[in-house]
């Protein structure tokens, strides 16, 4: 199982991430604080959800929903 941590400062985009067709565990941080240092260090990949405009970050539930949708999209479960 690959671990993918969501981090607004990451350089890798979650969209189209090549690991998402494999077994993955998504790590979502706390609202405001984000991932703890120890969790971030243990993740195989840190990825960001690209956003446009003045949005600083997403709340945890919205980030989780978008990440789960991207996993489903990459796997061909949704069109």
PDB file of N, CA and C in Angstrom:
ATOM      1  N   UNK A   1       0.848  -1.175   0.000  1.00  0.00           N
ATOM      2  CA  UNK A   1       0.000   0.000   0.000  1.00  0.00           C
ATOM      3  C   UNK A   1       0.891   1.234   0.000  1.00  0.00           C
ATOM      4  N   UNK A   2       0.658   2.097  -0.961  1.00  0.00           N
ATOM      5  CA  UNK A   2       1.382   3.370  -1.044  1.00  0.00           C
ATOM      6  C   UNK A   2       0.631   4.406  -0.223  1.00  0.00           C
ATOM      7  N   UNK A   3       1.346   5.253   0.488  1.00  0.00           N
ATOM      8  CA  UNK A   3       0.709   6.314   1.257  1.00  0.00           C
ATOM      9  C   UNK A   3       0.905   7.645   0.544  1.00  0.00           C
ATOM     10  N   UNK A   4      -0.210   8.332   0.339  1.00  0.00           N
ATOM     11  CA  UNK A   4      -0.211   9.630  -0.331  1.00  0.00           C
ATOM     12  C   UNK A   4      -0.761  10.653   0.653  1.00  0.00           C
ATOM     13  N   UNK A   5       0.072  11.588   1.047  1.00  0.00           N
ATOM     14  CA  UNK A   5      -0.345  12.639   1.968  1.00  0.00           C
ATOM     15  C   UNK A   5      -0.723  13.886   1.204  1.00  0.00           C
ATOM     16  N   UNK A   6      -1.842  14.497   1.585  1.00  0.00           N
ATOM     17  CA  UNK A   6      -2.253  15.746   0.961  1.00  0.00           C
ATOM     18  C   UNK A   6      -1.607  16.906   1.703  1.00  0.00           C
ATOM     19  N   UNK A   7      -0.905  17.738   0.946  1.00  0.00           N
ATOM     20  CA  UNK A   7      -0.169  18.865   1.521  1.00  0.00           C
ATOM     21  C   UNK A   7      -0.246  20.023   0.528  1.00  0.00           C
ATOM     22  N   UNK A   8      -0.779  21.138   0.969  1.00  0.00           N
ATOM     23  CA  UNK A   8      -0.931  22.306   0.107  1.00  0.00           C
ATOM     24  C   UNK A   8       0.372  22.858  -0.419  1.00  0.00           C
ATOM     25  N   UNK A   9       1.476  22.547   0.217  1.00  0.00           N
ATOM     26  CA  UNK A   9       2.791  23.052  -0.206  1.00  0.00           C
ATOM     27  C   UNK A   9       3.576  22.047  -1.048  1.00  0.00           C
ATOM     28  N   UNK A  10       3.015  20.881  -1.308  1.00  0.00           N
ATOM     29  CA  UNK A  10       3.731  19.849  -2.071  1.00  0.00           C
ATOM     30  C   UNK A  10       3.948  20.300  -3.511  1.00  0.00           C
ATOM     31  N   UNK A  11       4.970  19.754  -4.132  1.00  0.00           N
ATOM     32  CA  UNK A  11       5.291  20.093  -5.520  1.00  0.00           C
ATOM     33  C   UNK A  11       4.593  19.186  -6.519  1.00  0.00           C
ATOM     34  N   UNK A  12       4.134  18.021  -6.084  1.00  0.00           N
ATOM     35  CA  UNK A  12       3.492  17.047  -6.964  1.00  0.00           C
ATOM     36  C   UNK A  12       1.982  17.231  -6.918  1.00  0.00           C
ATOM     37  N   UNK A  13       1.354  17.232  -8.079  1.00  0.00           N
ATOM     38  CA  UNK A  13      -0.099  17.355  -8.155  1.00  0.00           C
ATOM     39  C   UNK A  13      -0.768  16.011  -7.916  1.00  0.00           C
ATOM     40  N   UNK A  14      -1.867  16.023  -7.200  1.00  0.00           N
ATOM     41  CA  UNK A  14      -2.652  14.804  -7.015  1.00  0.00           C
ATOM     42  C   UNK A  14      -3.303  14.383  -8.332  1.00  0.00           C
ATOM     43  N   UNK A  15      -3.649  15.347  -9.150  1.00  0.00           N
ATOM     44  CA  UNK A  15      -4.339  15.059 -10.408  1.00  0.00           C
ATOM     45  C   UNK A  15      -3.414  14.316 -11.356  1.00  0.00           C
ATOM     46  N   UNK A  16      -3.815  13.127 -11.752  1.00  0.00           N
ATOM     47  CA  UNK A  16      -3.023  12.320 -12.666  1.00  0.00           C
ATOM     48  C   UNK A  16      -1.850  11.614 -12.022  1.00  0.00           C
ATOM     49  N   UNK A  17      -1.774  11.603 -10.707  1.00  0.00           N
ATOM     50  CA  UNK A  17      -0.684  10.926 -10.012  1.00  0.00           C
ATOM     51  C   UNK A  17      -0.683   9.451 -10.390  1.00  0.00           C
ATOM     52  N   UNK A  18       0.443   8.939 -10.846  1.00  0.00           N
ATOM     53  CA  UNK A  18       0.498   7.577 -11.387  1.00  0.00           C
ATOM     54  C   UNK A  18       0.296   6.486 -10.343  1.00  0.00           C
ATOM     55  N   UNK A  19       0.392   6.789  -9.066  1.00  0.00           N
ATOM     56  CA  UNK A  19       0.191   5.783  -8.022  1.00  0.00           C
ATOM     57  C   UNK A  19      -1.277   5.464  -7.760  1.00  0.00           C
ATOM     58  N   UNK A  20      -2.179   6.289  -8.233  1.00  0.00           N
ATOM     59  CA  UNK A  20      -3.581   6.171  -7.830  1.00  0.00           C
ATOM     60  C   UNK A  20      -4.287   4.950  -8.398  1.00  0.00           C
ATOM     61  N   UNK A  21      -3.678   4.263  -9.357  1.00  0.00           N
ATOM     62  CA  UNK A  21      -4.295   3.037  -9.860  1.00  0.00           C
ATOM     63  C   UNK A  21      -3.835   1.818  -9.060  1.00  0.00           C
ATOM     64  N   UNK A  22      -2.992   2.028  -8.065  1.00  0.00           N
ATOM     65  CA  UNK A  22      -2.501   0.960  -7.189  1.00  0.00           C
ATOM     66  C   UNK A  22      -3.200   1.059  -5.830  1.00  0.00           C
ATOM     67  N   UNK A  23      -2.846   0.175  -4.926  1.00  0.00           N
ATOM     68  CA  UNK A  23      -3.388   0.253  -3.565  1.00  0.00           C
ATOM     69  C   UNK A  23      -2.796   1.476  -2.885  1.00  0.00           C
ATOM     70  N   UNK A  24      -3.658   2.408  -2.466  1.00  0.00           N
ATOM     71  CA  UNK A  24      -3.193   3.634  -1.821  1.00  0.00           C
ATOM     72  C   UNK A  24      -3.982   3.900  -0.543  1.00  0.00           C
ATOM     73  N   UNK A  25      -3.316   4.547   0.373  1.00  0.00           N
ATOM     74  CA  UNK A  25      -3.950   5.092   1.570  1.00  0.00           C
ATOM     75  C   UNK A  25      -3.766   6.597   1.491  1.00  0.00           C
ATOM     76  N   UNK A  26      -4.859   7.324   1.566  1.00  0.00           N
ATOM     77  CA  UNK A  26      -4.796   8.780   1.530  1.00  0.00           C
ATOM     78  C   UNK A  26      -4.684   9.308   2.953  1.00  0.00           C
ATOM     79  N   UNK A  27      -3.727  10.175   3.197  1.00  0.00           N
ATOM     80  CA  UNK A  27      -3.538  10.786   4.516  1.00  0.00           C
ATOM     81  C   UNK A  27      -3.970  12.243   4.428  1.00  0.00           C
ATOM     82  N   UNK A  28      -4.944  12.587   5.235  1.00  0.00           N
ATOM     83  CA  UNK A  28      -5.505  13.940   5.238  1.00  0.00           C
ATOM     84  C   UNK A  28      -5.167  14.572   6.582  1.00  0.00           C
ATOM     85  N   UNK A  29      -4.613  15.761   6.567  1.00  0.00           N
ATOM     86  CA  UNK A  29      -4.249  16.429   7.807  1.00  0.00           C
ATOM     87  C   UNK A  29      -5.415  17.145   8.451  1.00  0.00           C
ATOM     88  N   UNK A  30      -5.177  17.668   9.621  1.00  0.00           N
ATOM     89  CA  UNK A  30      -6.177  18.439  10.351  1.00  0.00           C
ATOM     90  C   UNK A  30      -6.392  19.778   9.659  1.00  0.00           C
ATOM     91  N   UNK A  31      -7.592  20.298   9.795  1.00  0.00           N
ATOM     92  CA  UNK A  31      -7.868  21.615   9.224  1.00  0.00           C
ATOM     93  C   UNK A  31      -7.008  22.648   9.937  1.00  0.00           C
ATOM     94  N   UNK A  32      -6.355  23.466   9.166  1.00  0.00           N
ATOM     95  CA  UNK A  32      -5.477  24.486   9.728  1.00  0.00           C
ATOM     96  C   UNK A  32      -4.054  23.989   9.897  1.00  0.00           C
ATOM     97  N   UNK A  33      -3.866  22.923  10.675  1.00  0.00           N
ATOM     98  CA  UNK A  33      -2.516  22.428  10.972  1.00  0.00           C
ATOM     99  C   UNK A  33      -1.961  21.555   9.850  1.00  0.00           C
ATOM    100  N   UNK A  34      -2.813  20.884   9.093  1.00  0.00           N
ATOM    101  CA  UNK A  34      -2.350  19.998   8.027  1.00  0.00           C
ATOM    102  C   UNK A  34      -1.790  18.704   8.589  1.00  0.00           C
ATOM    103  N   UNK A  35      -0.962  18.033   7.801  1.00  0.00           N
ATOM    104  CA  UNK A  35      -0.346  16.782   8.243  1.00  0.00           C
ATOM    105  C   UNK A  35       0.680  17.058   9.337  1.00  0.00           C
ATOM    106  N   UNK A  36       0.749  16.169  10.300  1.00  0.00           N
ATOM    107  CA  UNK A  36       1.810  16.310  11.294  1.00  0.00           C
ATOM    108  C   UNK A  36       3.147  15.986  10.627  1.00  0.00           C
ATOM    109  N   UNK A  37       4.217  16.431  11.225  1.00  0.00           N
ATOM    110  CA  UNK A  37       5.545  16.203  10.659  1.00  0.00           C
ATOM    111  C   UNK A  37       5.824  14.713  10.518  1.00  0.00           C
ATOM    112  N   UNK A  38       5.479  13.934  11.535  1.00  0.00           N
ATOM    113  CA  UNK A  38       5.765  12.494  11.494  1.00  0.00           C
ATOM    114  C   UNK A  38       4.965  11.791  10.407  1.00  0.00           C
ATOM    115  N   UNK A  39       3.701  12.157  10.234  1.00  0.00           N
ATOM    116  CA  UNK A  39       2.888  11.545   9.177  1.00  0.00           C
ATOM    117  C   UNK A  39       3.466  11.911   7.816  1.00  0.00           C
ATOM    118  N   UNK A  40       3.798  13.188   7.626  1.00  0.00           N
ATOM    119  CA  UNK A  40       4.357  13.631   6.345  1.00  0.00           C
ATOM    120  C   UNK A  40       5.655  12.891   6.012  1.00  0.00           C
ATOM    121  N   UNK A  41       6.493  12.658   7.019  1.00  0.00           N
ATOM    122  CA  UNK A  41       7.755  11.952   6.789  1.00  0.00           C
ATOM    123  C   UNK A  41       7.539  10.492   6.406  1.00  0.00           C
ATOM    124  N   UNK A  42       6.446   9.905   6.862  1.00  0.00           N
ATOM    125  CA  UNK A  42       6.186   8.493   6.587  1.00  0.00           C
ATOM    126  C   UNK A  42       5.416   8.265   5.284  1.00  0.00           C
ATOM    127  N   UNK A  43       4.882   9.317   4.686  1.00  0.00           N
ATOM    128  CA  UNK A  43       4.166   9.171   3.417  1.00  0.00           C
ATOM    129  C   UNK A  43       5.154   8.901   2.285  1.00  0.00           C
ATOM    130  N   UNK A  44       4.731   8.065   1.350  1.00  0.00           N
ATOM    131  CA  UNK A  44       5.569   7.808   0.177  1.00  0.00           C
ATOM    132  C   UNK A  44       5.606   9.006  -0.753  1.00  0.00           C
ATOM    133  N   UNK A  45       4.474   9.711  -0.854  1.00  0.00           N
ATOM    134  CA  UNK A  45       4.362  10.866  -1.742  1.00  0.00           C
ATOM    135  C   UNK A  45       3.533  11.925  -1.035  1.00  0.00           C
ATOM    136  N   UNK A  46       3.952  13.181  -1.155  1.00  0.00           N
ATOM    137  CA  UNK A  46       3.125  14.306  -0.733  1.00  0.00           C
ATOM    138  C   UNK A  46       2.598  14.961  -1.995  1.00  0.00           C
ATOM    139  N   UNK A  47       1.293  15.180  -2.035  1.00  0.00           N
ATOM    140  CA  UNK A  47       0.667  15.731  -3.240  1.00  0.00           C
ATOM    141  C   UNK A  47      -0.257  16.877  -2.863  1.00  0.00           C
ATOM    142  N   UNK A  48      -0.436  17.778  -3.789  1.00  0.00           N
ATOM    143  CA  UNK A  48      -1.312  18.918  -3.585  1.00  0.00           C
ATOM    144  C   UNK A  48      -2.501  18.845  -4.533  1.00  0.00           C
ATOM    145  N   UNK A  49      -3.595  19.439  -4.130  1.00  0.00           N
ATOM    146  CA  UNK A  49      -4.761  19.591  -5.010  1.00  0.00           C
ATOM    147  C   UNK A  49      -4.641  20.980  -5.620  1.00  0.00           C
ATOM    148  N   UNK A  50      -4.414  21.064  -6.932  1.00  0.00           N
ATOM    149  CA  UNK A  50      -4.229  22.375  -7.555  1.00  0.00           C
ATOM    150  C   UNK A  50      -5.499  23.220  -7.447  1.00  0.00           C
ATOM    151  N   UNK A  51      -5.304  24.490  -7.144  1.00  0.00           N
ATOM    152  CA  UNK A  51      -6.436  25.419  -7.017  1.00  0.00           C
ATOM    153  C   UNK A  51      -6.114  26.717  -7.738  1.00  0.00           C
ATOM    154  N   UNK A  52      -7.156  27.399  -8.133  1.00  0.00           N
ATOM    155  CA  UNK A  52      -7.011  28.665  -8.846  1.00  0.00           C
ATOM    156  C   UNK A  52      -7.590  29.776  -7.987  1.00  0.00           C
ATOM    157  N   UNK A  53      -6.969  30.917  -8.018  1.00  0.00           N
ATOM    158  CA  UNK A  53      -7.505  32.068  -7.306  1.00  0.00           C
ATOM    159  C   UNK A  53      -6.926  32.226  -5.919  1.00  0.00           C
ATOM    160  N   UNK A  54      -7.681  32.904  -5.073  1.00  0.00           N
ATOM    161  CA  UNK A  54      -7.205  33.274  -3.746  1.00  0.00           C
ATOM    162  C   UNK A  54      -7.512  32.238  -2.667  1.00  0.00           C
ATOM    163  N   UNK A  55      -7.905  31.043  -3.058  1.00  0.00           N
ATOM    164  CA  UNK A  55      -8.208  30.001  -2.082  1.00  0.00           C
ATOM    165  C   UNK A  55      -6.906  29.526  -1.458  1.00  0.00           C
ATOM    166  N   UNK A  56      -6.813  29.641  -0.132  1.00  0.00           N
ATOM    167  CA  UNK A  56      -5.586  29.246   0.559  1.00  0.00           C
ATOM    168  C   UNK A  56      -5.508  27.738   0.741  1.00  0.00           C
ATOM    169  N   UNK A  57      -6.627  27.144   1.151  1.00  0.00           N
ATOM    170  CA  UNK A  57      -6.660  25.700   1.361  1.00  0.00           C
ATOM    171  C   UNK A  57      -8.111  25.236   1.387  1.00  0.00           C
ATOM    172  N   UNK A  58      -8.292  23.926   1.394  1.00  0.00           N
ATOM    173  CA  UNK A  58      -9.620  23.328   1.474  1.00  0.00           C
ATOM    174  C   UNK A  58      -9.805  22.722   2.856  1.00  0.00           C
ATOM    175  N   UNK A  59     -11.057  22.606   3.306  1.00  0.00           N
ATOM    176  CA  UNK A  59     -11.233  21.909   4.580  1.00  0.00           C
ATOM    177  C   UNK A  59     -11.025  20.417   4.342  1.00  0.00           C
ATOM    178  N   UNK A  60     -10.836  19.678   5.421  1.00  0.00           N
ATOM    179  CA  UNK A  60     -10.444  18.268   5.327  1.00  0.00           C
ATOM    180  C   UNK A  60     -11.474  17.430   4.584  1.00  0.00           C
ATOM    181  N   UNK A  61     -12.760  17.689   4.799  1.00  0.00           N
ATOM    182  CA  UNK A  61     -13.779  16.865   4.140  1.00  0.00           C
ATOM    183  C   UNK A  61     -13.808  17.098   2.634  1.00  0.00           C
ATOM    184  N   UNK A  62     -13.626  18.327   2.206  1.00  0.00           N
ATOM    185  CA  UNK A  62     -13.619  18.632   0.770  1.00  0.00           C
ATOM    186  C   UNK A  62     -12.360  18.048   0.120  1.00  0.00           C
ATOM    187  N   UNK A  63     -11.221  18.191   0.770  1.00  0.00           N
ATOM    188  CA  UNK A  63      -9.980  17.618   0.234  1.00  0.00           C
ATOM    189  C   UNK A  63     -10.092  16.101   0.129  1.00  0.00           C
ATOM    190  N   UNK A  64     -10.686  15.476   1.136  1.00  0.00           N
ATOM    191  CA  UNK A  64     -10.874  14.018   1.111  1.00  0.00           C
ATOM    192  C   UNK A  64     -11.770  13.601  -0.040  1.00  0.00           C
ATOM    193  N   UNK A  65     -12.871  14.310  -0.219  1.00  0.00           N
ATOM    194  CA  UNK A  65     -13.808  13.977  -1.301  1.00  0.00           C
ATOM    195  C   UNK A  65     -13.144  14.127  -2.666  1.00  0.00           C
ATOM    196  N   UNK A  66     -12.404  15.204  -2.866  1.00  0.00           N
ATOM    197  CA  UNK A  66     -11.715  15.395  -4.149  1.00  0.00           C
ATOM    198  C   UNK A  66     -10.666  14.315  -4.380  1.00  0.00           C
ATOM    199  N   UNK A  67      -9.932  13.951  -3.353  1.00  0.00           N
ATOM    200  CA  UNK A  67      -8.903  12.912  -3.496  1.00  0.00           C
ATOM    201  C   UNK A  67      -9.540  11.561  -3.813  1.00  0.00           C
ATOM    202  N   UNK A  68     -10.626  11.227  -3.130  1.00  0.00           N
ATOM    203  CA  UNK A  68     -11.313   9.953  -3.413  1.00  0.00           C
ATOM    204  C   UNK A  68     -11.887   9.943  -4.818  1.00  0.00           C
ATOM    205  N   UNK A  69     -12.424  11.073  -5.262  1.00  0.00           N
ATOM    206  CA  UNK A  69     -12.942  11.154  -6.625  1.00  0.00           C
ATOM    207  C   UNK A  69     -11.820  10.961  -7.638  1.00  0.00           C
ATOM    208  N   UNK A  70     -10.662  11.547  -7.396  1.00  0.00           N
ATOM    209  CA  UNK A  70      -9.536  11.403  -8.323  1.00  0.00           C
ATOM    210  C   UNK A  70      -9.074   9.953  -8.387  1.00  0.00           C
ATOM    211  N   UNK A  71      -9.050   9.256  -7.256  1.00  0.00           N
ATOM    212  CA  UNK A  71      -8.702   7.835  -7.261  1.00  0.00           C
ATOM    213  C   UNK A  71      -9.711   7.061  -8.112  1.00  0.00           C
ATOM    214  N   UNK A  72     -10.996   7.325  -7.904  1.00  0.00           N
ATOM    215  CA  UNK A  72     -12.040   6.639  -8.673  1.00  0.00           C
ATOM    216  C   UNK A  72     -11.933   6.969 -10.164  1.00  0.00           C
ATOM    217  N   UNK A  73     -11.627   8.222 -10.496  1.00  0.00           N
ATOM    218  CA  UNK A  73     -11.513   8.633 -11.902  1.00  0.00           C
ATOM    219  C   UNK A  73     -10.347   7.920 -12.577  1.00  0.00           C
ATOM    220  N   UNK A  74      -9.192   7.891 -11.905  1.00  0.00           N
ATOM    221  CA  UNK A  74      -8.006   7.239 -12.480  1.00  0.00           C
ATOM    222  C   UNK A  74      -8.250   5.764 -12.701  1.00  0.00           C
ATOM    223  N   UNK A  75      -9.000   5.153 -11.812  1.00  0.00           N
ATOM    224  CA  UNK A  75      -9.283   3.716 -11.924  1.00  0.00           C
ATOM    225  C   UNK A  75     -10.422   3.393 -12.888  1.00  0.00           C
ATOM    226  N   UNK A  76     -11.042   4.421 -13.448  1.00  0.00           N
ATOM    227  CA  UNK A  76     -12.102   4.216 -14.430  1.00  0.00           C
ATOM    228  C   UNK A  76     -13.452   3.896 -13.820  1.00  0.00           C
ATOM    229  N   UNK A  77     -13.614   4.174 -12.541  1.00  0.00           N
ATOM    230  CA  UNK A  77     -14.887   3.899 -11.866  1.00  0.00           C
ATOM    231  C   UNK A  77     -15.930   4.960 -12.146  1.00  0.00           C
ATOM    232  N   UNK A  78     -15.493   6.153 -12.518  1.00  0.00           N
ATOM    233  CA  UNK A  78     -16.404   7.249 -12.882  1.00  0.00           C
ATOM    234  C   UNK A  78     -15.902   7.859 -14.187  1.00  0.00           C
ATOM    235  N   UNK A  79     -16.792   8.509 -14.885  1.00  0.00           N
ATOM    236  CA  UNK A  79     -16.360   9.134 -16.143  1.00  0.00           C
ATOM    237  C   UNK A  79     -16.402  10.632 -16.052  1.00  0.00           C
TER     238      UNK A  79
END
